[in-house]
Structure formats: structure tokens, C-alpha cells
Protein backbone atom coordinates (compact mmCIF):
# COMPACT_ATOMS: atom_id res chain seq x y z
CA MET A 1 -0.72 14.80 -14.04
CA ILE A 2 1.34 14.69 -10.82
CA TYR A 3 -0.93 11.91 -9.52
CA ASP A 4 -0.21 9.88 -12.65
CA PHE A 5 3.54 10.40 -12.22
CA PHE A 6 3.43 9.05 -8.68
CA ALA A 7 1.05 6.18 -9.47
CA TYR A 8 2.63 4.94 -12.69
CA CYS A 9 6.27 5.99 -12.32
CA PHE A 10 7.62 7.03 -8.94
CA ILE A 11 6.04 4.46 -6.61
CA PRO A 12 6.70 1.42 -8.84
CA ALA A 13 10.19 2.60 -9.88
CA ALA A 14 11.25 3.47 -6.34
CA SER A 15 9.95 0.10 -5.13
CA VAL A 16 11.99 -1.79 -7.70
CA TRP A 17 15.08 0.39 -7.35
CA PHE A 18 15.09 0.02 -3.57
CA ALA A 19 15.24 -3.79 -3.80
CA TRP A 20 17.02 -4.09 -7.15
CA GLU A 21 20.26 -5.71 -6.00
CA THR A 22 18.68 -8.23 -3.61
CA ASP A 23 16.85 -11.52 -3.70
CA TRP A 24 13.22 -10.38 -3.78
CA THR A 25 12.02 -13.63 -2.19
CA ALA A 26 14.49 -13.76 0.71
CA THR A 27 14.44 -10.23 2.08
CA ASN A 28 12.00 -7.36 2.58
CA PHE A 29 11.99 -3.59 2.73
CA SER A 30 12.36 -3.52 6.53
CA ILE A 31 15.58 -5.52 6.38
CA LEU A 32 16.87 -3.56 3.37
CA ARG A 33 16.23 -0.24 5.08
CA ASN A 34 18.57 -1.17 7.91
CA SER A 35 21.34 -2.44 5.66
CA SER A 36 21.27 0.04 2.83
CA GLU A 37 22.38 3.51 1.89
CA LYS A 38 18.99 3.96 0.26
CA GLU A 39 17.16 5.04 3.41
CA ALA A 40 16.25 8.43 1.89
CA LEU A 41 14.71 6.64 -1.11
CA PHE A 42 12.83 4.31 1.23
CA LEU A 43 11.43 7.19 3.27
CA SER A 44 10.53 9.12 0.10
CA TRP A 45 8.75 6.05 -1.25
CA GLY A 46 6.84 5.67 2.02
CA ALA A 47 5.91 9.35 2.14
CA ALA A 48 4.70 9.29 -1.48
CA LEU A 49 2.67 6.16 -0.83
CA ILE A 50 1.02 7.64 2.26
CA LEU A 51 0.36 11.03 0.69
CA CYS A 52 -1.04 9.71 -2.60
CA PHE A 53 -3.17 7.01 -1.04
CA ALA A 54 -4.54 9.42 1.58
CA LEU A 55 -5.41 12.07 -1.02
CA TRP A 56 -6.98 9.58 -3.44
CA PHE A 57 -8.99 7.98 -0.66
CA ARG A 58 -10.11 11.38 0.60
CA ASP A 59 -11.39 12.35 -2.84
CA LEU A 60 -13.07 8.98 -3.40
CA SER A 61 -14.76 8.83 -0.04
CA ARG A 62 -16.07 12.38 -0.39
CA ARG A 63 -17.57 11.38 -3.72
CA LEU A 64 -18.87 7.91 -2.82
CA LEU A 65 -19.50 7.66 0.90
CA PRO A 66 -20.34 9.70 3.90
CA PRO A 67 -16.87 10.81 5.05
CA ARG A 68 -17.01 8.62 8.17
CA ALA A 69 -17.29 5.28 6.34
CA ALA A 70 -13.83 4.52 4.91
CA SER A 71 -11.87 7.44 6.35
CA PRO A 72 -11.08 5.86 9.76
CA LEU A 73 -9.71 2.74 8.07
CA VAL A 74 -7.53 4.74 5.71
CA ARG A 75 -6.31 7.06 8.44
CA ALA A 76 -5.44 4.03 10.56
CA ALA A 77 -3.64 2.45 7.57
CA CYS A 78 -1.63 5.65 7.01
CA LEU A 79 -0.82 5.96 10.71
CA ALA A 80 0.27 2.30 10.83
CA LEU A 81 2.51 2.84 7.79
CA ILE A 82 4.00 5.99 9.34
CA LEU A 83 4.78 4.03 12.51
CA ALA A 84 6.29 1.21 10.44
CA LEU A 85 8.48 3.72 8.60
CA ALA A 86 9.50 5.44 11.83
CA THR A 87 10.37 2.34 13.87
CA PRO A 88 13.41 0.17 13.21
CA TYR A 89 13.27 -3.51 12.49
CA LEU A 90 16.29 -4.69 14.43
CA PRO A 91 14.98 -7.54 16.59
CA GLU A 92 18.29 -8.18 18.38
CA ARG A 93 18.81 -4.54 19.38
CA PHE A 94 15.25 -3.26 19.71
CA PRO A 95 12.86 -6.19 20.25
CA PHE A 96 9.88 -4.06 21.33
CA TRP A 97 10.18 -1.58 18.47
CA SER A 98 10.73 -4.40 16.01
CA GLN A 99 7.43 -5.94 17.11
CA VAL A 100 5.70 -2.57 16.76
CA HIS A 101 7.23 -2.22 13.31
CA PHE A 102 6.11 -5.69 12.25
CA LEU A 103 2.54 -5.24 13.51
CA CYS A 104 2.18 -1.83 11.89
CA ALA A 105 3.70 -2.93 8.58
CA PHE A 106 1.41 -5.96 8.46
CA LEU A 107 -1.72 -4.14 9.64
CA SER A 108 -1.40 -1.18 7.25
CA PRO A 109 -2.25 -3.05 4.00
CA ILE A 110 -5.10 -4.91 5.71
CA LEU A 111 -6.67 -1.64 6.84
CA PHE A 112 -6.00 -0.13 3.42
CA LEU A 113 -7.71 -3.01 1.60
CA SER A 114 -10.67 -2.88 3.99
CA GLY A 115 -11.18 0.82 3.26
CA LEU A 116 -10.79 0.22 -0.46
CA LEU A 117 -13.37 -2.57 -0.37
CA LEU A 118 -15.86 -0.23 1.32
CA LEU A 119 -15.33 2.32 -1.44
CA LEU A 120 -15.73 -0.31 -4.16
CA LEU A 121 -18.93 -1.66 -2.64
CA SER A 122 -20.30 1.86 -2.45
CA TYR A 123 -19.38 2.46 -6.09
CA ARG A 124 -21.13 -0.79 -7.04
CA ARG A 125 -24.46 0.79 -6.02
CA GLU A 126 -23.80 3.68 -8.39
CA ASN A 127 -22.30 1.87 -11.38
CA PRO A 128 -22.52 -1.95 -11.09
CA GLY A 129 -20.92 -2.81 -14.44
CA ILE A 130 -17.76 -0.79 -14.00
CA ALA A 131 -17.57 -1.57 -10.29
CA ARG A 132 -17.54 -5.27 -11.14
CA ARG A 133 -14.30 -4.81 -13.08
CA PHE A 134 -12.73 -2.85 -10.24
CA LEU A 135 -13.86 -5.46 -7.72
CA LEU A 136 -12.29 -8.14 -9.90
CA GLY A 137 -9.03 -6.17 -9.86
CA PHE A 138 -9.28 -5.76 -6.10
CA TRP A 139 -9.73 -9.51 -5.57
CA LEU A 140 -6.92 -10.26 -8.02
CA ILE A 141 -4.48 -7.98 -6.15
CA SER A 142 -5.59 -9.52 -2.86
CA ALA A 143 -5.24 -13.08 -4.16
CA VAL A 144 -1.79 -12.54 -5.70
CA SER A 145 -0.62 -10.84 -2.50
CA LEU A 146 -1.86 -13.73 -0.37
CA PHE A 147 -0.26 -16.22 -2.76
CA LEU A 148 3.10 -14.43 -2.55
CA LEU A 149 2.84 -14.35 1.25
CA TRP A 150 1.98 -18.06 1.37
CA LYS A 151 4.60 -19.09 -1.21
CA ASP A 152 7.52 -17.43 0.53
CA GLY A 153 6.23 -17.76 4.09
CA MET A 154 7.02 -14.14 4.87
CA VAL A 155 6.51 -10.61 3.63
CA THR A 156 9.13 -10.25 0.90
CA SER A 157 10.42 -7.44 -1.25
CA GLY A 158 8.61 -9.05 -4.19
CA LEU A 159 5.32 -8.89 -2.30
CA GLU A 160 5.95 -5.30 -1.23
CA ILE A 161 6.87 -4.25 -4.77
CA PHE A 162 3.79 -5.97 -6.20
CA PHE A 163 1.37 -4.71 -3.56
CA GLY A 164 2.57 -1.10 -3.52
CA SER A 165 2.78 -0.82 -7.31
CA ALA A 166 -0.46 -2.67 -8.06
CA CYS A 167 -2.43 -0.74 -5.47
CA SER A 168 -0.95 2.54 -6.65
CA VAL A 169 -1.99 1.95 -10.26
CA PHE A 170 -5.34 0.46 -9.23
CA LEU A 171 -6.25 3.27 -6.85
CA ARG A 172 -5.21 5.94 -9.36
CA ARG A 173 -7.34 4.36 -12.11
CA PHE A 174 -10.29 4.09 -9.73
CA HIS A 175 -9.72 7.69 -8.61
CA ARG A 176 -9.61 8.92 -12.21
CA ARG A 177 -12.79 7.01 -13.09
CA VAL A 178 -14.84 8.22 -10.13
CA VAL A 179 -13.53 11.67 -9.26
CA GLN A 180 -12.42 13.24 -12.53
């Protein structure tokens, strides 16, 4: 029940609320964090994302794979997101930390998707019909994310809202299907 609340309500709602008053195609969460009173919401959103994704991945990889297969990718994705949340994006004041922030924020979803793909491919051996639908969803999320990145030429709030919310719902549905 609490997993459903975070997947379907908190993560998507916090994502939208954080960027509500801005142009979703001209700014991103890193910029908003530095210019907003909503830093506590941003950090809560990030903590919920990390915690839920880590727990869901842990359960899925224990069920589908030897623990060593997807776990390093997911741990690296969580660590990269923690570093992105902890470092400021203020290129004029902190150029080094801004680069660290950018690299970690960009690398985290790539590592996450790589780990998720490993889990989906493992599930395909067990249940090819249902796995095909999940793989289709995975490629759809990936394609829309790449399109949004290409269209705007940068990581935007719209992309971050879509990616975080879509992956949250997707991973929870996959978790429910495989683990429970």
C-alpha cells in the first residue's frame, strides 16, 4: 500500500508541484532547486525516488537474477542521484561541483535503465508474453525520454517529471507483477 502511494501519488505529484510555476521546457530541477523555497520538497522527492527504486530493484533482482547482476548498476544509479542531490548546480560559483552534479544527474537514469533492462530480459526467460509488454513499456519510456531530450536540447523539468513519474509507475507495476 505504501509502495503504491509513493509510485502513483507522491513521486508524480511532488515532481509536478516542484516545477508547477515554471516553463517545463526552459528550466530543470537543478536550476529550480537553487532558486526556490521548495528545496525540502525537492530533497524529499529525491529521497523517495532513491528509496523506492532501490527497494523495488532489490526485491526484483532477488526474485529474477543472481543478486550480482543488476544490483551494481542500481547501486551506482542511486549513488549518482545522491551525489546529484547533494551537489549544487551553480556553474558561476562552483564550476567543479556543477560538473559533478551534471554528470551524476545525467548518469543516474542511464544506469537505472540499464539495470531495469537486465531485470526485464531475465523476466523474459520466465514469462515471455508478459515480459514483452513490459519491454514495450520500457522502450516507450526510453524513446519518449530521448525525444524530449532531443526536442528541447537539454534536460528539462518536463523530461524529469515524465521520466521520474513514468519509471515510478512502471517499476511499481513490474514489482507488483513479479514479487507479489
